[in-house]
Each structure stands twice: as C-alpha cells, then as structure tokens.
Amino acid sequence: MKTIIVPTDFSPVAINATNYAIDMALAINASLMLLHIYQIPVAITDTPLILVSVEDLKADAEKRLDIARQELERVTGGKIKIYTEARLGNVTDELEDLGSKTQPYAIIMGTTGSSAVERVIFGSNTLNVIKHVTWPVICVPTGKGYGNGIKKIGLACDLREVAETIPAEGLKKFAAQFDAEFHILNIHFEETPEASSEQSSLLQAALSELNPQFHFIKHKDIEDGVHEFAEKNNLDLIITIPKKHKLLEGLFKKSSTKQLIYHSHIPVVTLHN
C-alpha cells in the first residue's frame, strides 16, 4: 500500500497539511504516517543546560501523536490506516532515514505558519527537506484544503536536456494516481528558444501516457509566470524539478523560493531526477 508521511510539530500549519494529507490518502487509497521529530531544548548559558529529559520529550511526543491519531481515525471513520512515530533528531535526516525504510508515495508538509516563529522554524525545515530528500514533497500553503481533488497538474519546465533532467517515470508514477489534466509550462524571457521544439517533442514522447498539453509563455519573471498561469487555469498542483540549470537558479535561490514555495496559494510538488 502507498504511504504518505506527514511531519508535524502540532502547529496550525502542520495540522492544515495533515488534513490535506488525510483527504489525499482517502482519494488514492494510501496509509498515513504521522511523524514528530523532536530536539532537546538547551538553555544558552555559560554552561549549556538541558531543560527537559529525553525520556520526557519522547513520552510527550508519543502522547500528542496518539491523541492526533485517535482524532484522525474518528474523522475518517477508520477508512485509512494511520501510523505514528516520534524521533529524536534532525528533520531532514530523519525523513531521509524513514523514507528509505517506507518508500513513501509522498511527504506532505506545510509551508508557512501564522506566527513569525512558525515561519522561521517550520518554513526552514520545509526548504531543507525539498532540497535534500529524494521522495516527492508536497508543500501545502496555509489554509489550503484538498477540496474536490487533483483535477489539473502543471509542470514548470525550462525544456533543457529533458532526457537527462526530467524524471519521466517518477512523474508518471506520481501523476497516475489522479485522473488529471497535465500541463507543461515553459516560462521564458524572450522568444521561444529554437531548441524547445525538439525538447518538447522528446518530453511529449516520454510523458505520452499523461497526454501533456504544452504552454509557451513569455514573461519577465519565471515565478510570476507560473503563478499567473496556475491561478488563471485553476491548477491544483504545481510540480518543479530541483536540478542544476536555469530553472533551479530561478526557483530555488533564496528570494524566489520564498515567492514560489512560501507565498504560493497552490500546493507545490518537488520531484528529484
């Protein structure tokens, strides 16, 4: 059975992502792994002091996870399997380790919180995860629900070396769970590059099962171009591929990441090749 992992710190932004994950799990017949990763709080003094014992932290985490699991089972009527796990460590490292053991369909995380603390802590965790974890990560904006499901998916792509840089099999495996329209967005600054025709043909062949529709959009800003198309065409998901070329530079430099990931009104999925 497919598994969706949801890291949670029990904040409003994490609860929203959990609710989104529950609805997706119901839609695609997946189980849910609710994960809380805790760290030992240390007082900053001349001599660092541990404020709480590891045993107490673990017990508290497991108690809160159990309460959350019971509530989710009540809400879903027991229709999906819900597991919980509490771990001591770093969010990215623990997700990578858990992912290697469970081979999840996706990891679903929130993007920003309602408070400055949530934006700094949970937001930075999300950014680190999408950069380093190899499984699909779905970043859910605050307040965004699953709604009527995934009907339209957009892939932001610069159409450069697609055979080497686009994970076609991973894309098809991910998108095949939804009977959705699949749009490929090429945002460019000037006229459509001549090489795009050849590259789009290669991508068309690789993703033929998804019946992709191509859109060549001239816009001075990649992120704004993606957002404008997504909102105008009511996309339910935006997929990006973190990789070392212009699209990566545009989408994942510090300022643009906040714009695309943290400020998007539409969930953003990152897939690695």
Protein backbone atom coordinates (compact mmCIF):
# COMPACT_ATOMS: atom_id res chain seq x y z
CA MET A 1 0.00 0.00 0.00
CA LYS A 2 1.13 3.56 -0.72
CA THR A 3 2.24 5.58 2.29
CA ILE A 4 2.10 9.34 2.84
CA ILE A 5 4.42 10.75 5.50
CA VAL A 6 3.34 13.93 7.31
CA PRO A 7 5.91 15.58 9.61
CA THR A 8 4.12 17.57 12.30
CA ASP A 9 5.02 19.97 15.07
CA PHE A 10 1.30 20.21 16.01
CA SER A 11 1.16 23.85 14.87
CA PRO A 12 -1.78 25.19 12.80
CA VAL A 13 0.28 25.00 9.59
CA ALA A 14 1.14 21.35 10.29
CA ILE A 15 -2.46 20.49 11.15
CA ASN A 16 -3.59 22.02 7.85
CA ALA A 17 -1.03 19.90 5.95
CA THR A 18 -2.23 16.82 7.87
CA ASN A 19 -5.84 17.46 6.87
CA TYR A 20 -4.75 17.82 3.24
CA ALA A 21 -2.81 14.55 3.50
CA ILE A 22 -5.78 12.72 5.02
CA ASP A 23 -8.03 13.73 2.12
CA MET A 24 -5.37 12.71 -0.41
CA ALA A 25 -4.84 9.38 1.34
CA LEU A 26 -8.57 8.68 1.16
CA ALA A 27 -8.61 9.60 -2.53
CA ILE A 28 -5.69 7.41 -3.60
CA ASN A 29 -6.09 4.59 -1.05
CA ALA A 30 -2.90 5.29 0.90
CA SER A 31 -1.94 4.90 4.54
CA LEU A 32 -0.69 7.81 6.65
CA MET A 33 2.46 8.05 8.74
CA LEU A 34 2.23 10.92 11.24
CA LEU A 35 5.78 11.83 12.26
CA HIS A 36 7.00 14.11 15.03
CA ILE A 37 10.71 14.87 15.19
CA TYR A 38 11.79 16.47 18.44
CA GLN A 39 15.04 18.00 19.65
CA ILE A 40 16.48 18.51 23.11
CA PRO A 41 15.97 22.12 24.29
CA VAL A 42 19.14 23.61 25.74
CA ALA A 43 19.40 26.83 27.76
CA ILE A 44 22.03 29.20 26.34
CA THR A 45 24.27 29.98 29.30
CA ASP A 46 27.99 29.85 30.02
CA THR A 47 27.42 26.17 30.71
CA PRO A 48 24.65 24.77 28.42
CA LEU A 49 21.83 23.20 30.43
CA ILE A 50 19.42 20.55 29.15
CA LEU A 51 15.95 21.73 30.16
CA VAL A 52 13.97 18.50 29.68
CA SER A 53 14.98 14.86 29.75
CA VAL A 54 14.94 12.81 26.55
CA GLU A 55 12.52 10.35 28.18
CA ASP A 56 10.04 13.13 29.00
CA LEU A 57 10.31 14.57 25.48
CA LYS A 58 9.65 11.18 23.91
CA ALA A 59 6.72 10.45 26.22
CA ASP A 60 5.14 13.82 25.48
CA ALA A 61 5.63 13.40 21.73
CA GLU A 62 4.09 9.93 21.72
CA LYS A 63 1.13 11.13 23.78
CA ARG A 64 0.41 14.01 21.42
CA LEU A 65 0.77 11.75 18.39
CA ASP A 66 -1.63 9.21 19.89
CA ILE A 67 -4.22 11.92 20.52
CA ALA A 68 -3.83 13.16 16.94
CA ARG A 69 -4.13 9.61 15.57
CA GLN A 70 -7.32 8.91 17.53
CA GLU A 71 -8.89 12.14 16.30
CA LEU A 72 -7.97 11.40 12.67
CA GLU A 73 -9.34 7.87 12.95
CA ARG A 74 -12.58 9.31 14.32
CA VAL A 75 -12.84 11.85 11.50
CA THR A 76 -12.11 9.27 8.77
CA GLY A 77 -14.25 6.54 10.30
CA GLY A 78 -11.26 4.22 10.30
CA LYS A 79 -11.15 4.15 6.49
CA ILE A 80 -7.37 4.53 6.31
CA LYS A 81 -4.50 3.09 8.33
CA ILE A 82 -2.76 5.74 10.43
CA TYR A 83 0.65 5.12 11.97
CA THR A 84 2.64 7.37 14.27
CA GLU A 85 6.32 7.70 15.04
CA ALA A 86 8.31 10.02 17.31
CA ARG A 87 12.00 10.52 16.63
CA LEU A 88 14.81 12.48 18.20
CA GLY A 89 16.99 14.21 15.62
CA ASN A 90 17.17 16.47 12.58
CA VAL A 91 14.04 16.78 10.42
CA THR A 92 15.78 16.21 7.08
CA ASP A 93 17.98 13.34 8.29
CA GLU A 94 15.11 11.52 9.99
CA LEU A 95 12.83 11.92 6.97
CA GLU A 96 15.53 10.55 4.69
CA ASP A 97 16.01 7.56 7.00
CA LEU A 98 12.30 6.88 7.39
CA GLY A 99 11.77 7.33 3.66
CA SER A 100 14.42 4.73 2.85
CA LYS A 101 12.53 2.24 5.01
CA THR A 102 8.96 3.01 3.91
CA GLN A 103 9.47 4.19 0.30
CA PRO A 104 6.65 6.75 0.63
CA TYR A 105 4.41 7.90 -2.19
CA ALA A 106 4.97 11.47 -0.93
CA ILE A 107 5.91 13.61 2.04
CA ILE A 108 3.38 16.35 2.76
CA MET A 109 4.43 19.47 4.68
CA GLY A 110 3.07 22.92 5.41
CA THR A 111 4.87 25.97 4.07
CA THR A 112 4.32 28.86 6.47
CA GLY A 113 2.80 29.38 9.87
CA SER A 114 0.53 32.02 11.30
CA SER A 115 3.27 33.25 13.62
CA ALA A 116 6.78 34.54 12.96
CA VAL A 117 8.22 31.59 14.89
CA GLU A 118 6.37 29.07 12.72
CA ARG A 119 7.55 30.82 9.55
CA VAL A 120 11.19 30.71 10.66
CA ILE A 121 11.28 27.19 12.13
CA PHE A 122 8.77 25.14 10.13
CA GLY A 123 9.43 27.10 6.94
CA SER A 124 13.18 26.49 7.06
CA ASN A 125 12.59 22.79 7.73
CA THR A 126 10.40 22.56 4.63
CA LEU A 127 13.04 24.24 2.49
CA ASN A 128 15.78 21.90 3.71
CA VAL A 129 13.60 18.86 3.08
CA ILE A 130 12.73 19.79 -0.51
CA LYS A 131 16.39 20.37 -1.27
CA HIS A 132 17.74 17.13 0.15
CA VAL A 133 15.05 14.44 0.48
CA THR A 134 14.70 12.29 -2.63
CA TRP A 135 10.99 11.44 -2.40
CA PRO A 136 8.21 13.70 -3.71
CA VAL A 137 7.49 16.54 -1.30
CA ILE A 138 4.15 18.33 -1.44
CA CYS A 139 4.26 21.81 0.12
CA VAL A 140 0.76 22.86 1.20
CA PRO A 141 0.05 26.59 1.71
CA THR A 142 -1.58 27.68 4.95
CA GLY A 143 -5.35 27.38 4.73
CA LYS A 144 -5.31 25.31 1.52
CA GLY A 145 -7.54 22.25 1.54
CA TYR A 146 -7.68 19.24 -0.76
CA GLY A 147 -11.13 20.32 -1.94
CA ASN A 148 -12.55 18.32 -4.83
CA GLY A 149 -9.25 16.59 -5.51
CA ILE A 150 -6.48 16.93 -8.09
CA LYS A 151 -8.01 17.75 -11.47
CA LYS A 152 -5.25 19.82 -13.07
CA ILE A 153 -1.47 19.47 -12.64
CA GLY A 154 1.17 21.83 -14.02
CA LEU A 155 4.86 21.00 -14.54
CA ALA A 156 7.19 24.02 -14.62
CA CYS A 157 9.96 23.12 -17.07
CA ASP A 158 12.68 25.05 -18.93
CA LEU A 159 12.85 22.37 -21.69
CA ARG A 160 16.62 21.92 -21.46
CA GLU A 161 18.19 18.46 -21.67
CA VAL A 162 14.85 16.88 -20.74
CA ALA A 163 16.05 13.31 -21.28
CA GLU A 164 18.72 13.80 -18.61
CA THR A 165 16.91 16.10 -16.20
CA ILE A 166 13.20 15.16 -16.21
CA PRO A 167 12.32 12.06 -14.10
CA ALA A 168 9.69 10.80 -16.54
CA GLU A 169 8.98 7.54 -14.72
CA GLY A 170 8.67 9.32 -11.38
CA LEU A 171 6.33 11.91 -12.89
CA LYS A 172 4.10 9.25 -14.42
CA LYS A 173 4.03 7.23 -11.21
CA PHE A 174 3.08 10.30 -9.19
CA ALA A 175 0.50 11.73 -11.62
CA ALA A 176 -1.08 8.38 -12.47
CA GLN A 177 -2.88 8.42 -9.11
CA PHE A 178 -5.08 11.26 -10.35
CA ASP A 179 -7.25 11.41 -13.44
CA ALA A 180 -5.96 14.92 -14.05
CA GLU A 181 -5.12 17.19 -16.95
CA PHE A 182 -1.35 17.52 -17.25
CA HIS A 183 0.05 20.88 -18.36
CA ILE A 184 3.71 21.63 -19.10
CA LEU A 185 4.64 25.28 -18.58
CA ASN A 186 7.67 26.78 -20.28
CA ILE A 187 8.19 30.32 -19.00
CA HIS A 188 10.81 32.24 -20.99
CA PHE A 189 12.12 35.79 -21.00
CA GLU A 190 12.27 36.38 -24.75
CA GLU A 191 11.08 34.45 -27.79
CA THR A 192 10.64 30.69 -27.51
CA PRO A 193 14.11 29.08 -27.92
CA GLU A 194 14.55 27.07 -31.14
CA ALA A 195 15.68 24.05 -29.14
CA SER A 196 12.36 23.97 -27.30
CA SER A 197 10.60 22.30 -30.24
CA GLU A 198 12.93 19.29 -30.19
CA GLN A 199 12.95 19.10 -26.39
CA SER A 200 9.17 19.36 -26.15
CA SER A 201 8.84 16.52 -28.65
CA LEU A 202 11.11 14.36 -26.50
CA LEU A 203 9.12 15.22 -23.39
CA GLN A 204 5.84 14.62 -25.21
CA ALA A 205 7.01 11.11 -26.10
CA ALA A 206 8.32 10.38 -22.59
CA LEU A 207 5.07 11.51 -20.93
CA SER A 208 2.62 10.41 -23.61
CA GLU A 209 0.58 8.41 -21.09
CA LEU A 210 -0.29 11.68 -19.33
CA ASN A 211 -1.44 13.40 -22.56
CA PRO A 212 0.53 16.57 -21.74
CA GLN A 213 -0.53 19.98 -23.01
CA PHE A 214 2.34 22.42 -23.67
CA HIS A 215 2.19 26.13 -22.92
CA PHE A 216 4.96 28.52 -24.02
CA ILE A 217 4.61 31.69 -22.01
CA LYS A 218 6.68 34.83 -22.38
CA HIS A 219 7.17 36.51 -19.01
CA LYS A 220 9.94 38.54 -17.44
CA ASP A 221 9.70 36.57 -14.17
CA ILE A 222 9.54 32.75 -14.02
CA GLU A 223 7.77 32.52 -10.69
CA ASP A 224 5.16 35.16 -11.52
CA GLY A 225 4.56 33.49 -14.88
CA VAL A 226 3.95 30.14 -13.21
CA HIS A 227 1.63 31.68 -10.62
CA GLU A 228 -0.38 33.64 -13.15
CA PHE A 229 -0.95 30.58 -15.34
CA ALA A 230 -1.76 28.38 -12.33
CA GLU A 231 -4.36 30.74 -10.92
CA LYS A 232 -5.90 31.64 -14.29
CA ASN A 233 -6.25 27.96 -15.21
CA ASN A 234 -7.20 26.68 -11.75
CA LEU A 235 -4.28 24.28 -11.33
CA ASP A 236 -4.45 22.08 -8.25
CA LEU A 237 -0.72 21.23 -8.12
CA ILE A 238 2.48 22.78 -9.47
CA ILE A 239 5.39 20.37 -9.99
CA THR A 240 9.01 21.54 -10.01
CA ILE A 241 12.18 19.52 -10.59
CA PRO A 242 15.13 20.71 -8.47
CA LYS A 243 18.16 20.42 -10.73
CA LYS A 244 21.26 22.34 -11.72
CA HIS A 245 20.26 24.66 -14.53
CA LYS A 246 18.38 27.89 -15.09
CA LEU A 247 15.05 26.76 -13.70
CA LEU A 248 16.74 25.71 -10.47
CA GLU A 249 18.50 29.07 -10.25
CA GLY A 250 15.20 30.83 -10.79
CA LEU A 251 13.02 28.75 -8.48
CA PHE A 252 15.39 27.82 -5.68
CA LYS A 253 17.51 30.87 -4.96
CA LYS A 254 16.59 32.32 -1.59
CA SER A 255 14.23 35.11 -2.63
CA SER A 256 12.50 33.11 -5.36
CA THR A 257 12.00 30.07 -3.16
CA LYS A 258 10.03 32.17 -0.71
CA GLN A 259 8.00 33.55 -3.58
CA LEU A 260 7.19 30.20 -5.22
CA ILE A 261 7.01 27.86 -2.23
CA TYR A 262 6.13 30.01 0.76
CA HIS A 263 3.83 32.51 -0.97
CA SER A 264 2.03 30.23 -3.41
CA HIS A 265 -1.72 29.74 -2.98
CA ILE A 266 -1.39 26.40 -4.77
CA PRO A 267 0.41 23.31 -3.42
CA VAL A 268 3.89 22.86 -4.93
CA VAL A 269 5.40 19.41 -5.51
CA THR A 270 9.14 18.83 -5.81
CA LEU A 271 10.38 15.74 -7.63
CA HIS A 272 14.05 14.79 -7.97
CA ASN A 273 15.53 13.17 -11.06
